[in-house]
PDB file of N, CA and C in Angstrom:
ATOM      1  N   MET A   1      29.146 -37.559 -59.222  1.00  0.00           N
ATOM      2  CA  MET A   1      29.370 -36.600 -59.599  1.00  0.00           C
ATOM      3  C   MET A   1      30.314 -36.109 -59.660  1.00  0.00           C
ATOM      4  N   THR A   2      30.857 -34.764 -60.288  1.00  0.00           N
ATOM      5  CA  THR A   2      31.660 -33.751 -60.131  1.00  0.00           C
ATOM      6  C   THR A   2      31.454 -32.539 -59.193  1.00  0.00           C
ATOM      7  N   ASP A   3      32.330 -32.281 -58.477  1.00  0.00           N
ATOM      8  CA  ASP A   3      32.013 -31.170 -56.999  1.00  0.00           C
ATOM      9  C   ASP A   3      33.014 -29.812 -58.061  1.00  0.00           C
ATOM     10  N   TRP A   4      32.475 -28.808 -57.732  1.00  0.00           N
ATOM     11  CA  TRP A   4      32.753 -27.308 -58.551  1.00  0.00           C
ATOM     12  C   TRP A   4      34.178 -26.967 -57.687  1.00  0.00           C
ATOM     13  N   ASN A   5      34.667 -26.287 -58.166  1.00  0.00           N
ATOM     14  CA  ASN A   5      35.736 -26.107 -58.502  1.00  0.00           C
ATOM     15  C   ASN A   5      35.287 -24.277 -57.438  1.00  0.00           C
ATOM     16  N   PRO A   6      36.401 -24.755 -56.372  1.00  0.00           N
ATOM     17  CA  PRO A   6      36.009 -23.302 -55.073  1.00  0.00           C
ATOM     18  C   PRO A   6      35.658 -21.989 -55.654  1.00  0.00           C
ATOM     19  N   ASP A   7      36.837 -21.894 -56.684  1.00  0.00           N
ATOM     20  CA  ASP A   7      36.713 -20.143 -57.214  1.00  0.00           C
ATOM     21  C   ASP A   7      35.379 -19.881 -58.097  1.00  0.00           C
ATOM     22  N   ASP A   8      35.370 -21.347 -58.978  1.00  0.00           N
ATOM     23  CA  ASP A   8      33.776 -20.872 -59.220  1.00  0.00           C
ATOM     24  C   ASP A   8      32.608 -20.821 -59.021  1.00  0.00           C
ATOM     25  N   LEU A   9      32.095 -21.971 -58.049  1.00  0.00           N
ATOM     26  CA  LEU A   9      31.558 -21.621 -57.079  1.00  0.00           C
ATOM     27  C   LEU A   9      31.500 -20.571 -56.076  1.00  0.00           C
ATOM     28  N   ALA A  10      32.725 -19.678 -55.977  1.00  0.00           N
ATOM     29  CA  ALA A  10      32.458 -18.900 -54.746  1.00  0.00           C
ATOM     30  C   ALA A  10      32.410 -16.884 -55.747  1.00  0.00           C
ATOM     31  N   ALA A  11      32.228 -17.549 -57.226  1.00  0.00           N
ATOM     32  CA  ALA A  11      31.985 -16.105 -58.177  1.00  0.00           C
ATOM     33  C   ALA A  11      30.914 -16.632 -58.649  1.00  0.00           C
ATOM     34  N   ILE A  12      29.822 -17.595 -58.754  1.00  0.00           N
ATOM     35  CA  ILE A  12      28.444 -17.736 -58.833  1.00  0.00           C
ATOM     36  C   ILE A  12      28.322 -17.337 -58.051  1.00  0.00           C
ATOM     37  N   ASP A  13      28.863 -18.066 -56.277  1.00  0.00           N
ATOM     38  CA  ASP A  13      27.553 -17.219 -54.904  1.00  0.00           C
ATOM     39  C   ASP A  13      27.575 -15.871 -55.297  1.00  0.00           C
ATOM     40  N   ALA A  14      28.759 -14.818 -55.523  1.00  0.00           N
ATOM     41  CA  ALA A  14      28.328 -13.779 -55.507  1.00  0.00           C
ATOM     42  C   ALA A  14      28.021 -12.987 -56.414  1.00  0.00           C
ATOM     43  N   ASP A  15      27.190 -13.606 -57.455  1.00  0.00           N
ATOM     44  CA  ASP A  15      26.628 -12.895 -58.373  1.00  0.00           C
ATOM     45  C   ASP A  15      25.057 -12.813 -57.465  1.00  0.00           C
ATOM     46  N   GLY A  16      24.236 -12.048 -57.866  1.00  0.00           N
ATOM     47  CA  GLY A  16      22.458 -11.979 -57.707  1.00  0.00           C
ATOM     48  C   GLY A  16      21.811 -12.539 -58.564  1.00  0.00           C
ATOM     49  N   GLU A  17      22.525 -12.732 -59.342  1.00  0.00           N
ATOM     50  CA  GLU A  17      21.063 -13.965 -60.352  1.00  0.00           C
ATOM     51  C   GLU A  17      22.101 -14.868 -61.437  1.00  0.00           C
ATOM     52  N   LEU A  18      21.369 -15.793 -61.667  1.00  0.00           N
ATOM     53  CA  LEU A  18      21.702 -17.581 -62.613  1.00  0.00           C
ATOM     54  C   LEU A  18      21.023 -17.671 -63.629  1.00  0.00           C
ATOM     55  N   ARG A  19      21.711 -17.777 -65.270  1.00  0.00           N
ATOM     56  CA  ARG A  19      20.816 -18.262 -65.948  1.00  0.00           C
ATOM     57  C   ARG A  19      21.177 -19.688 -65.684  1.00  0.00           C
ATOM     58  N   VAL A  20      19.971 -19.586 -66.420  1.00  0.00           N
ATOM     59  CA  VAL A  20      19.569 -21.494 -66.450  1.00  0.00           C
ATOM     60  C   VAL A  20      19.135 -21.786 -68.112  1.00  0.00           C
ATOM     61  N   ALA A  21      19.802 -23.377 -68.692  1.00  0.00           N
ATOM     62  CA  ALA A  21      19.124 -23.513 -69.750  1.00  0.00           C
ATOM     63  C   ALA A  21      19.420 -24.824 -69.713  1.00  0.00           C
ATOM     64  N   ALA A  22      18.039 -25.591 -69.847  1.00  0.00           N
ATOM     65  CA  ALA A  22      17.861 -26.678 -69.917  1.00  0.00           C
ATOM     66  C   ALA A  22      17.916 -27.379 -71.211  1.00  0.00           C
ATOM     67  N   HIS A  23      18.718 -28.654 -71.470  1.00  0.00           N
ATOM     68  CA  HIS A  23      18.725 -29.071 -72.822  1.00  0.00           C
ATOM     69  C   HIS A  23      17.138 -29.806 -73.229  1.00  0.00           C
ATOM     70  N   ARG A  24      16.922 -29.548 -74.267  1.00  0.00           N
ATOM     71  CA  ARG A  24      15.985 -30.416 -74.537  1.00  0.00           C
ATOM     72  C   ARG A  24      16.448 -31.918 -75.161  1.00  0.00           C
ATOM     73  N   PRO A  25      15.219 -32.509 -75.720  1.00  0.00           N
ATOM     74  CA  PRO A  25      16.002 -34.543 -75.469  1.00  0.00           C
ATOM     75  C   PRO A  25      16.330 -34.420 -76.952  1.00  0.00           C
ATOM     76  N   ASP A  26      16.248 -33.448 -77.541  1.00  0.00           N
ATOM     77  CA  ASP A  26      17.561 -33.245 -78.797  1.00  0.00           C
ATOM     78  C   ASP A  26      18.616 -33.084 -78.682  1.00  0.00           C
ATOM     79  N   GLY A  27      19.525 -32.641 -77.260  1.00  0.00           N
ATOM     80  CA  GLY A  27      20.488 -31.854 -77.276  1.00  0.00           C
ATOM     81  C   GLY A  27      20.859 -30.507 -77.094  1.00  0.00           C
ATOM     82  N   THR A  28      19.571 -29.731 -78.320  1.00  0.00           N
ATOM     83  CA  THR A  28      20.057 -28.129 -78.065  1.00  0.00           C
ATOM     84  C   THR A  28      19.300 -27.442 -76.427  1.00  0.00           C
ATOM     85  N   LEU A  29      19.523 -26.522 -76.712  1.00  0.00           N
ATOM     86  CA  LEU A  29      19.175 -26.028 -75.233  1.00  0.00           C
ATOM     87  C   LEU A  29      17.727 -24.808 -75.593  1.00  0.00           C
ATOM     88  N   ARG A  30      17.312 -24.875 -74.515  1.00  0.00           N
ATOM     89  CA  ARG A  30      16.547 -23.761 -74.288  1.00  0.00           C
ATOM     90  C   ARG A  30      16.576 -22.657 -74.272  1.00  0.00           C
ATOM     91  N   ASN A  31      15.496 -21.690 -74.170  1.00  0.00           N
ATOM     92  CA  ASN A  31      16.018 -20.163 -74.049  1.00  0.00           C
ATOM     93  C   ASN A  31      16.319 -19.828 -72.513  1.00  0.00           C
ATOM     94  N   PRO A  32      17.544 -19.365 -71.976  1.00  0.00           N
ATOM     95  CA  PRO A  32      17.792 -19.123 -70.881  1.00  0.00           C
ATOM     96  C   PRO A  32      16.869 -18.165 -70.295  1.00  0.00           C
ATOM     97  N   ARG A  33      16.571 -18.647 -68.729  1.00  0.00           N
ATOM     98  CA  ARG A  33      15.869 -17.942 -67.649  1.00  0.00           C
ATOM     99  C   ARG A  33      17.005 -17.606 -67.067  1.00  0.00           C
ATOM    100  N   ILE A  34      16.175 -16.281 -65.819  1.00  0.00           N
ATOM    101  CA  ILE A  34      17.286 -16.269 -64.683  1.00  0.00           C
ATOM    102  C   ILE A  34      16.654 -16.091 -63.500  1.00  0.00           C
ATOM    103  N   VAL A  35      17.167 -17.291 -62.981  1.00  0.00           N
ATOM    104  CA  VAL A  35      17.086 -17.543 -61.103  1.00  0.00           C
ATOM    105  C   VAL A  35      17.976 -16.716 -60.178  1.00  0.00           C
ATOM    106  N   TRP A  36      16.998 -17.444 -59.648  1.00  0.00           N
ATOM    107  CA  TRP A  36      17.625 -16.690 -58.205  1.00  0.00           C
ATOM    108  C   TRP A  36      18.613 -18.126 -57.322  1.00  0.00           C
ATOM    109  N   HIS A  37      19.778 -17.853 -56.658  1.00  0.00           N
ATOM    110  CA  HIS A  37      19.992 -19.150 -56.800  1.00  0.00           C
ATOM    111  C   HIS A  37      21.112 -18.934 -55.477  1.00  0.00           C
ATOM    112  N   VAL A  38      21.580 -19.989 -54.832  1.00  0.00           N
ATOM    113  CA  VAL A  38      22.515 -19.911 -53.064  1.00  0.00           C
ATOM    114  C   VAL A  38      22.976 -21.187 -53.563  1.00  0.00           C
ATOM    115  N   VAL A  39      24.199 -20.650 -52.392  1.00  0.00           N
ATOM    116  CA  VAL A  39      25.387 -22.116 -51.761  1.00  0.00           C
ATOM    117  C   VAL A  39      25.204 -22.223 -50.338  1.00  0.00           C
ATOM    118  N   VAL A  40      25.181 -23.613 -50.346  1.00  0.00           N
ATOM    119  CA  VAL A  40      24.731 -24.226 -49.123  1.00  0.00           C
ATOM    120  C   VAL A  40      26.151 -25.426 -48.714  1.00  0.00           C
ATOM    121  N   ASP A  41      26.375 -25.502 -47.769  1.00  0.00           N
ATOM    122  CA  ASP A  41      27.864 -26.635 -47.866  1.00  0.00           C
ATOM    123  C   ASP A  41      28.361 -26.525 -49.271  1.00  0.00           C
ATOM    124  N   ASP A  42      28.887 -25.902 -50.070  1.00  0.00           N
ATOM    125  CA  ASP A  42      29.539 -26.150 -50.974  1.00  0.00           C
ATOM    126  C   ASP A  42      28.556 -26.414 -52.211  1.00  0.00           C
ATOM    127  N   ASP A  43      27.508 -26.777 -52.010  1.00  0.00           N
ATOM    128  CA  ASP A  43      26.478 -27.250 -53.459  1.00  0.00           C
ATOM    129  C   ASP A  43      25.676 -25.674 -53.860  1.00  0.00           C
ATOM    130  N   LEU A  44      25.436 -26.095 -54.879  1.00  0.00           N
ATOM    131  CA  LEU A  44      24.871 -24.861 -55.814  1.00  0.00           C
ATOM    132  C   LEU A  44      23.702 -25.356 -55.806  1.00  0.00           C
ATOM    133  N   TYR A  45      22.349 -24.537 -55.350  1.00  0.00           N
ATOM    134  CA  TYR A  45      20.796 -24.854 -55.282  1.00  0.00           C
ATOM    135  C   TYR A  45      19.943 -23.901 -56.207  1.00  0.00           C
ATOM    136  N   ILE A  46      19.026 -23.766 -56.924  1.00  0.00           N
ATOM    137  CA  ILE A  46      17.901 -23.398 -57.341  1.00  0.00           C
ATOM    138  C   ILE A  46      16.787 -23.955 -57.527  1.00  0.00           C
ATOM    139  N   ARG A  47      15.609 -22.945 -57.331  1.00  0.00           N
ATOM    140  CA  ARG A  47      14.477 -23.203 -57.311  1.00  0.00           C
ATOM    141  C   ARG A  47      13.369 -22.024 -58.137  1.00  0.00           C
ATOM    142  N   SER A  48      12.211 -22.641 -58.672  1.00  0.00           N
ATOM    143  CA  SER A  48      11.232 -22.016 -59.833  1.00  0.00           C
ATOM    144  C   SER A  48      10.502 -21.448 -59.014  1.00  0.00           C
ATOM    145  N   VAL A  49      10.942 -19.966 -59.218  1.00  0.00           N
ATOM    146  CA  VAL A  49       9.301 -19.340 -58.477  1.00  0.00           C
ATOM    147  C   VAL A  49       7.957 -19.609 -58.821  1.00  0.00           C
ATOM    148  N   ARG A  50       7.692 -20.281 -60.071  1.00  0.00           N
ATOM    149  CA  ARG A  50       6.560 -20.142 -60.236  1.00  0.00           C
ATOM    150  C   ARG A  50       6.616 -22.043 -59.813  1.00  0.00           C
ATOM    151  N   GLY A  51       7.228 -22.429 -58.849  1.00  0.00           N
ATOM    152  CA  GLY A  51       6.388 -24.037 -58.813  1.00  0.00           C
ATOM    153  C   GLY A  51       6.957 -24.624 -59.983  1.00  0.00           C
ATOM    154  N   THR A  52       6.365 -25.910 -59.983  1.00  0.00           N
ATOM    155  CA  THR A  52       6.360 -27.049 -61.104  1.00  0.00           C
ATOM    156  C   THR A  52       5.804 -26.283 -61.891  1.00  0.00           C
ATOM    157  N   GLU A  53       4.939 -25.502 -62.126  1.00  0.00           N
ATOM    158  CA  GLU A  53       4.393 -24.500 -63.471  1.00  0.00           C
ATOM    159  C   GLU A  53       5.724 -23.970 -64.221  1.00  0.00           C
ATOM    160  N   GLY A  54       6.341 -23.597 -63.238  1.00  0.00           N
ATOM    161  CA  GLY A  54       7.618 -23.137 -64.646  1.00  0.00           C
ATOM    162  C   GLY A  54       7.814 -23.713 -65.144  1.00  0.00           C
ATOM    163  N   ALA A  55       8.074 -22.674 -66.923  1.00  0.00           N
ATOM    164  CA  ALA A  55       8.769 -23.396 -67.736  1.00  0.00           C
ATOM    165  C   ALA A  55       9.725 -23.663 -67.700  1.00  0.00           C
ATOM    166  N   TRP A  56      10.930 -23.419 -67.203  1.00  0.00           N
ATOM    167  CA  TRP A  56      12.346 -23.349 -67.169  1.00  0.00           C
ATOM    168  C   TRP A  56      12.620 -25.048 -66.575  1.00  0.00           C
ATOM    169  N   TYR A  57      11.414 -24.867 -65.110  1.00  0.00           N
ATOM    170  CA  TYR A  57      11.717 -26.167 -64.274  1.00  0.00           C
ATOM    171  C   TYR A  57      11.251 -27.305 -64.809  1.00  0.00           C
ATOM    172  N   ARG A  58      10.046 -27.147 -65.915  1.00  0.00           N
ATOM    173  CA  ARG A  58       9.346 -28.229 -66.462  1.00  0.00           C
ATOM    174  C   ARG A  58      11.116 -28.881 -67.732  1.00  0.00           C
ATOM    175  N   GLY A  59      11.195 -27.565 -68.203  1.00  0.00           N
ATOM    176  CA  GLY A  59      12.229 -28.271 -69.170  1.00  0.00           C
ATOM    177  C   GLY A  59      13.373 -29.188 -68.364  1.00  0.00           C
ATOM    178  N   VAL A  60      13.874 -28.013 -67.673  1.00  0.00           N
ATOM    179  CA  VAL A  60      14.757 -29.065 -66.864  1.00  0.00           C
ATOM    180  C   VAL A  60      14.349 -30.573 -66.340  1.00  0.00           C
ATOM    181  N   GLN A  61      13.512 -30.888 -66.140  1.00  0.00           N
ATOM    182  CA  GLN A  61      12.687 -32.352 -65.817  1.00  0.00           C
ATOM    183  C   GLN A  61      12.479 -32.797 -66.462  1.00  0.00           C
ATOM    184  N   ARG A  62      12.888 -33.090 -67.760  1.00  0.00           N
ATOM    185  CA  ARG A  62      12.382 -33.495 -68.794  1.00  0.00           C
ATOM    186  C   ARG A  62      14.629 -34.380 -68.988  1.00  0.00           C
ATOM    187  N   THR A  63      15.234 -33.259 -69.011  1.00  0.00           N
ATOM    188  CA  THR A  63      16.375 -33.973 -69.572  1.00  0.00           C
ATOM    189  C   THR A  63      17.587 -34.208 -68.005  1.00  0.00           C
ATOM    190  N   GLY A  64      17.605 -33.495 -67.251  1.00  0.00           N
ATOM    191  CA  GLY A  64      17.754 -33.273 -65.819  1.00  0.00           C
ATOM    192  C   GLY A  64      19.316 -32.370 -66.029  1.00  0.00           C
ATOM    193  N   THR A  65      19.320 -32.344 -68.007  1.00  0.00           N
ATOM    194  CA  THR A  65      20.890 -31.108 -68.014  1.00  0.00           C
ATOM    195  C   THR A  65      20.971 -30.517 -68.387  1.00  0.00           C
ATOM    196  N   GLY A  66      21.734 -29.294 -69.002  1.00  0.00           N
ATOM    197  CA  GLY A  66      21.608 -27.868 -69.120  1.00  0.00           C
ATOM    198  C   GLY A  66      22.676 -27.153 -69.095  1.00  0.00           C
ATOM    199  N   GLN A  67      22.490 -26.098 -69.179  1.00  0.00           N
ATOM    200  CA  GLN A  67      23.952 -24.887 -68.973  1.00  0.00           C
ATOM    201  C   GLN A  67      23.463 -23.798 -67.822  1.00  0.00           C
ATOM    202  N   ILE A  68      24.384 -23.925 -67.514  1.00  0.00           N
ATOM    203  CA  ILE A  68      24.249 -22.272 -66.799  1.00  0.00           C
ATOM    204  C   ILE A  68      25.309 -21.255 -66.500  1.00  0.00           C
ATOM    205  N   ASP A  69      24.885 -19.603 -66.564  1.00  0.00           N
ATOM    206  CA  ASP A  69      25.728 -18.866 -66.468  1.00  0.00           C
ATOM    207  C   ASP A  69      25.442 -17.712 -65.644  1.00  0.00           C
ATOM    208  N   SER A  70      26.782 -17.493 -64.621  1.00  0.00           N
ATOM    209  CA  SER A  70      26.791 -16.678 -63.372  1.00  0.00           C
ATOM    210  C   SER A  70      27.995 -16.592 -62.824  1.00  0.00           C
ATOM    211  N   GLY A  71      28.534 -15.191 -62.749  1.00  0.00           N
ATOM    212  CA  GLY A  71      29.630 -14.956 -61.967  1.00  0.00           C
ATOM    213  C   GLY A  71      30.823 -14.624 -63.090  1.00  0.00           C
ATOM    214  N   GLY A  72      30.546 -14.888 -64.223  1.00  0.00           N
ATOM    215  CA  GLY A  72      31.604 -15.568 -65.356  1.00  0.00           C
ATOM    216  C   GLY A  72      31.570 -16.561 -65.842  1.00  0.00           C
ATOM    217  N   ILE A  73      30.709 -17.022 -64.747  1.00  0.00           N
ATOM    218  CA  ILE A  73      31.392 -19.147 -64.867  1.00  0.00           C
ATOM    219  C   ILE A  73      30.152 -19.262 -65.879  1.00  0.00           C
ATOM    220  N   HIS A  74      30.465 -20.081 -67.451  1.00  0.00           N
ATOM    221  CA  HIS A  74      29.322 -21.099 -67.977  1.00  0.00           C
ATOM    222  C   HIS A  74      29.952 -22.371 -67.886  1.00  0.00           C
ATOM    223  N   ALA A  75      28.663 -23.385 -67.510  1.00  0.00           N
ATOM    224  CA  ALA A  75      29.083 -24.541 -67.193  1.00  0.00           C
ATOM    225  C   ALA A  75      27.812 -25.593 -67.736  1.00  0.00           C
ATOM    226  N   ASP A  76      28.710 -26.234 -68.507  1.00  0.00           N
ATOM    227  CA  ASP A  76      27.269 -27.536 -68.746  1.00  0.00           C
ATOM    228  C   ASP A  76      26.980 -28.322 -67.067  1.00  0.00           C
ATOM    229  N   VAL A  77      26.011 -28.644 -66.505  1.00  0.00           N
ATOM    230  CA  VAL A  77      25.678 -29.292 -65.395  1.00  0.00           C
ATOM    231  C   VAL A  77      24.497 -30.074 -65.512  1.00  0.00           C
ATOM    232  N   THR A  78      24.077 -31.004 -64.300  1.00  0.00           N
ATOM    233  CA  THR A  78      23.395 -31.763 -63.733  1.00  0.00           C
ATOM    234  C   THR A  78      22.154 -31.126 -63.006  1.00  0.00           C
ATOM    235  N   PHE A  79      20.986 -30.980 -63.348  1.00  0.00           N
ATOM    236  CA  PHE A  79      19.740 -31.260 -61.960  1.00  0.00           C
ATOM    237  C   PHE A  79      19.386 -32.756 -61.052  1.00  0.00           C
ATOM    238  N   THR A  80      19.417 -32.135 -59.940  1.00  0.00           N
ATOM    239  CA  THR A  80      19.260 -33.333 -59.449  1.00  0.00           C
ATOM    240  C   THR A  80      18.311 -32.666 -58.220  1.00  0.00           C
ATOM    241  N   HIS A  81      16.970 -33.068 -58.010  1.00  0.00           N
ATOM    242  CA  HIS A  81      16.318 -32.608 -57.294  1.00  0.00           C
ATOM    243  C   HIS A  81      16.317 -33.173 -55.642  1.00  0.00           C
ATOM    244  N   ASP A  82      16.582 -31.927 -54.796  1.00  0.00           N
ATOM    245  CA  ASP A  82      17.423 -32.319 -53.135  1.00  0.00           C
ATOM    246  C   ASP A  82      16.139 -31.677 -52.336  1.00  0.00           C
ATOM    247  N   ASP A  83      15.307 -32.558 -51.440  1.00  0.00           N
ATOM    248  CA  ASP A  83      14.918 -31.170 -50.661  1.00  0.00           C
ATOM    249  C   ASP A  83      15.123 -31.679 -48.936  1.00  0.00           C
ATOM    250  N   SER A  84      16.777 -32.552 -48.941  1.00  0.00           N
ATOM    251  CA  SER A  84      17.248 -32.579 -48.111  1.00  0.00           C
ATOM    252  C   SER A  84      17.778 -31.698 -47.100  1.00  0.00           C
ATOM    253  N   ARG A  85      17.796 -30.166 -47.733  1.00  0.00           N
ATOM    254  CA  ARG A  85      18.167 -29.220 -47.064  1.00  0.00           C
ATOM    255  C   ARG A  85      17.335 -27.841 -46.917  1.00  0.00           C
ATOM    256  N   ASP A  86      16.277 -28.125 -46.841  1.00  0.00           N
ATOM    257  CA  ASP A  86      15.285 -26.908 -47.724  1.00  0.00           C
ATOM    258  C   ASP A  86      15.497 -26.032 -46.610  1.00  0.00           C
ATOM    259  N   ASP A  87      15.405 -25.873 -45.016  1.00  0.00           N
ATOM    260  CA  ASP A  87      14.961 -24.807 -44.347  1.00  0.00           C
ATOM    261  C   ASP A  87      16.654 -24.601 -44.833  1.00  0.00           C
ATOM    262  N   ALA A  88      17.648 -24.976 -44.254  1.00  0.00           N
ATOM    263  CA  ALA A  88      19.137 -24.209 -44.709  1.00  0.00           C
ATOM    264  C   ALA A  88      19.282 -23.461 -46.278  1.00  0.00           C
ATOM    265  N   ILE A  89      18.500 -24.026 -47.147  1.00  0.00           N
ATOM    266  CA  ILE A  89      18.059 -23.040 -48.491  1.00  0.00           C
ATOM    267  C   ILE A  89      17.758 -22.068 -47.793  1.00  0.00           C
ATOM    268  N   ASP A  90      16.601 -22.190 -47.287  1.00  0.00           N
ATOM    269  CA  ASP A  90      15.598 -20.528 -47.387  1.00  0.00           C
ATOM    270  C   ASP A  90      16.326 -19.761 -46.192  1.00  0.00           C
ATOM    271  N   ARG A  91      16.899 -20.186 -45.377  1.00  0.00           N
ATOM    272  CA  ARG A  91      18.380 -19.179 -44.772  1.00  0.00           C
ATOM    273  C   ARG A  91      18.913 -18.392 -45.544  1.00  0.00           C
ATOM    274  N   ALA A  92      19.688 -19.601 -46.871  1.00  0.00           N
ATOM    275  CA  ALA A  92      20.203 -18.733 -47.266  1.00  0.00           C
ATOM    276  C   ALA A  92      19.998 -17.514 -48.610  1.00  0.00           C
ATOM    277  N   TYR A  93      18.790 -17.940 -48.742  1.00  0.00           N
ATOM    278  CA  TYR A  93      17.799 -17.149 -49.405  1.00  0.00           C
ATOM    279  C   TYR A  93      17.947 -15.809 -48.952  1.00  0.00           C
ATOM    280  N   HIS A  94      17.289 -16.177 -47.521  1.00  0.00           N
ATOM    281  CA  HIS A  94      17.034 -14.596 -46.828  1.00  0.00           C
ATOM    282  C   HIS A  94      17.982 -14.143 -46.521  1.00  0.00           C
ATOM    283  N   ALA A  95      19.642 -14.408 -46.564  1.00  0.00           N
ATOM    284  CA  ALA A  95      20.374 -14.162 -45.668  1.00  0.00           C
ATOM    285  C   ALA A  95      20.998 -13.190 -47.645  1.00  0.00           C
ATOM    286  N   LYS A  96      20.622 -14.046 -48.265  1.00  0.00           N
ATOM    287  CA  LYS A  96      21.529 -13.408 -49.550  1.00  0.00           C
ATOM    288  C   LYS A  96      20.363 -12.019 -50.493  1.00  0.00           C
ATOM    289  N   TYR A  97      19.371 -12.205 -50.835  1.00  0.00           N
ATOM    290  CA  TYR A  97      18.196 -11.412 -50.869  1.00  0.00           C
ATOM    291  C   TYR A  97      17.099 -11.313 -49.906  1.00  0.00           C
ATOM    292  N   GLY A  98      17.274 -11.338 -48.642  1.00  0.00           N
ATOM    293  CA  GLY A  98      16.940 -10.257 -47.745  1.00  0.00           C
ATOM    294  C   GLY A  98      15.338 -10.876 -47.615  1.00  0.00           C
ATOM    295  N   ASN A  99      14.318  -9.964 -47.252  1.00  0.00           N
ATOM    296  CA  ASN A  99      13.107 -10.456 -46.603  1.00  0.00           C
ATOM    297  C   ASN A  99      11.600 -10.344 -47.438  1.00  0.00           C
ATOM    298  N   GLY A 100      12.086  -9.745 -48.466  1.00  0.00           N
ATOM    299  CA  GLY A 100      10.553  -8.667 -49.419  1.00  0.00           C
ATOM    300  C   GLY A 100      10.109 -10.314 -49.751  1.00  0.00           C
ATOM    301  N   SER A 101       9.131  -9.689 -50.579  1.00  0.00           N
ATOM    302  CA  SER A 101       7.876 -10.310 -51.080  1.00  0.00           C
ATOM    303  C   SER A 101       8.830 -11.563 -52.273  1.00  0.00           C
ATOM    304  N   ALA A 102       9.332 -11.194 -53.057  1.00  0.00           N
ATOM    305  CA  ALA A 102      10.104 -12.118 -53.742  1.00  0.00           C
ATOM    306  C   ALA A 102      10.899 -13.195 -52.751  1.00  0.00           C
ATOM    307  N   VAL A 103      11.841 -13.264 -51.278  1.00  0.00           N
ATOM    308  CA  VAL A 103      12.077 -13.980 -51.233  1.00  0.00           C
ATOM    309  C   VAL A 103      11.333 -14.687 -50.532  1.00  0.00           C
ATOM    310  N   GLU A 104       9.630 -14.285 -49.833  1.00  0.00           N
ATOM    311  CA  GLU A 104       8.543 -15.041 -50.095  1.00  0.00           C
ATOM    312  C   GLU A 104       8.260 -16.171 -51.120  1.00  0.00           C
ATOM    313  N   ALA A 105       8.231 -15.701 -51.846  1.00  0.00           N
ATOM    314  CA  ALA A 105       7.790 -16.439 -52.871  1.00  0.00           C
ATOM    315  C   ALA A 105       8.837 -17.882 -53.362  1.00  0.00           C
ATOM    316  N   ILE A 106      10.059 -17.645 -53.259  1.00  0.00           N
ATOM    317  CA  ILE A 106      11.417 -18.383 -53.699  1.00  0.00           C
ATOM    318  C   ILE A 106      11.469 -19.425 -52.810  1.00  0.00           C
ATOM    319  N   THR A 107      10.964 -18.827 -51.064  1.00  0.00           N
ATOM    320  CA  THR A 107      10.908 -19.515 -50.070  1.00  0.00           C
ATOM    321  C   THR A 107       9.450 -20.599 -49.910  1.00  0.00           C
ATOM    322  N   SER A 108       8.587 -20.353 -50.457  1.00  0.00           N
ATOM    323  CA  SER A 108       6.932 -20.945 -50.672  1.00  0.00           C
ATOM    324  C   SER A 108       7.358 -22.187 -50.559  1.00  0.00           C
ATOM    325  N   PRO A 109       6.183 -22.787 -50.238  1.00  0.00           N
ATOM    326  CA  PRO A 109       5.961 -24.655 -50.361  1.00  0.00           C
ATOM    327  C   PRO A 109       6.153 -24.557 -51.867  1.00  0.00           C
ATOM    328  N   ALA A 110       5.477 -23.902 -52.684  1.00  0.00           N
ATOM    329  CA  ALA A 110       5.353 -24.650 -54.276  1.00  0.00           C
ATOM    330  C   ALA A 110       6.775 -24.078 -54.461  1.00  0.00           C
ATOM    331  N   ALA A 111       7.655 -23.160 -53.967  1.00  0.00           N
ATOM    332  CA  ALA A 111       9.069 -23.151 -54.971  1.00  0.00           C
ATOM    333  C   ALA A 111       9.877 -24.387 -53.705  1.00  0.00           C
ATOM    334  N   THR A 112       9.604 -24.348 -52.962  1.00  0.00           N
ATOM    335  CA  THR A 112      10.911 -25.283 -52.113  1.00  0.00           C
ATOM    336  C   THR A 112      10.461 -26.734 -52.943  1.00  0.00           C
ATOM    337  N   ALA A 113       8.920 -27.042 -53.319  1.00  0.00           N
ATOM    338  CA  ALA A 113       8.882 -28.241 -53.578  1.00  0.00           C
ATOM    339  C   ALA A 113       9.976 -28.464 -55.421  1.00  0.00           C
ATOM    340  N   THR A 114      10.715 -27.127 -55.842  1.00  0.00           N
ATOM    341  CA  THR A 114      11.362 -27.487 -56.901  1.00  0.00           C
ATOM    342  C   THR A 114      13.159 -27.812 -56.656  1.00  0.00           C
ATOM    343  N   THR A 115      13.027 -27.202 -55.440  1.00  0.00           N
ATOM    344  CA  THR A 115      14.663 -27.629 -55.016  1.00  0.00           C
ATOM    345  C   THR A 115      15.426 -28.711 -56.246  1.00  0.00           C
ATOM    346  N   LEU A 116      16.558 -27.869 -56.622  1.00  0.00           N
ATOM    347  CA  LEU A 116      17.198 -28.445 -57.437  1.00  0.00           C
ATOM    348  C   LEU A 116      18.749 -28.117 -56.655  1.00  0.00           C
ATOM    349  N   ARG A 117      19.641 -29.584 -56.535  1.00  0.00           N
ATOM    350  CA  ARG A 117      20.821 -29.327 -56.777  1.00  0.00           C
ATOM    351  C   ARG A 117      21.521 -28.844 -57.686  1.00  0.00           C
ATOM    352  N   VAL A 118      22.740 -28.120 -58.071  1.00  0.00           N
ATOM    353  CA  VAL A 118      23.594 -28.011 -59.555  1.00  0.00           C
ATOM    354  C   VAL A 118      24.446 -28.606 -59.754  1.00  0.00           C
ATOM    355  N   HIS A 119      24.966 -29.754 -60.165  1.00  0.00           N
ATOM    356  CA  HIS A 119      26.253 -30.081 -59.953  1.00  0.00           C
ATOM    357  C   HIS A 119      26.756 -29.411 -61.299  1.00  0.00           C
ATOM    358  N   PRO A 120      28.340 -29.827 -61.837  1.00  0.00           N
ATOM    359  CA  PRO A 120      29.242 -29.518 -62.600  1.00  0.00           C
ATOM    360  C   PRO A 120      28.889 -31.009 -63.747  1.00  0.00           C
ATOM    361  N   ARG A 121      29.247 -30.706 -64.997  1.00  0.00           N
ATOM    362  CA  ARG A 121      29.405 -31.970 -65.632  1.00  0.00           C
ATOM    363  C   ARG A 121      30.813 -32.376 -66.384  1.00  0.00           C
TER     364      ARG A 121
END
């Protein structure tokens, strides 16, 4: 897998929202959805606040590829399930977005079960 360019990753990290669109099996893109994202140890992570029921998440699970837009960066990406850093990712969500009910939702067990590492292609 390719690593992020540090400047691109910093621009993505500085933005509060990320648009994610999964590829369909025929290669076309689904409609983009806005998600919250964090960077931990130079890796980009996203989760579905609706857990496995999130439509965008189900789409990502079908192909494992798609596109993101955030911080002026548009990239083709791959998505890999990664539960190896959940505690650090939870802390990063709290540090970036605060401690409100939305952060409690994105750090809930249902959302944590959908943690994806996002890599450029």
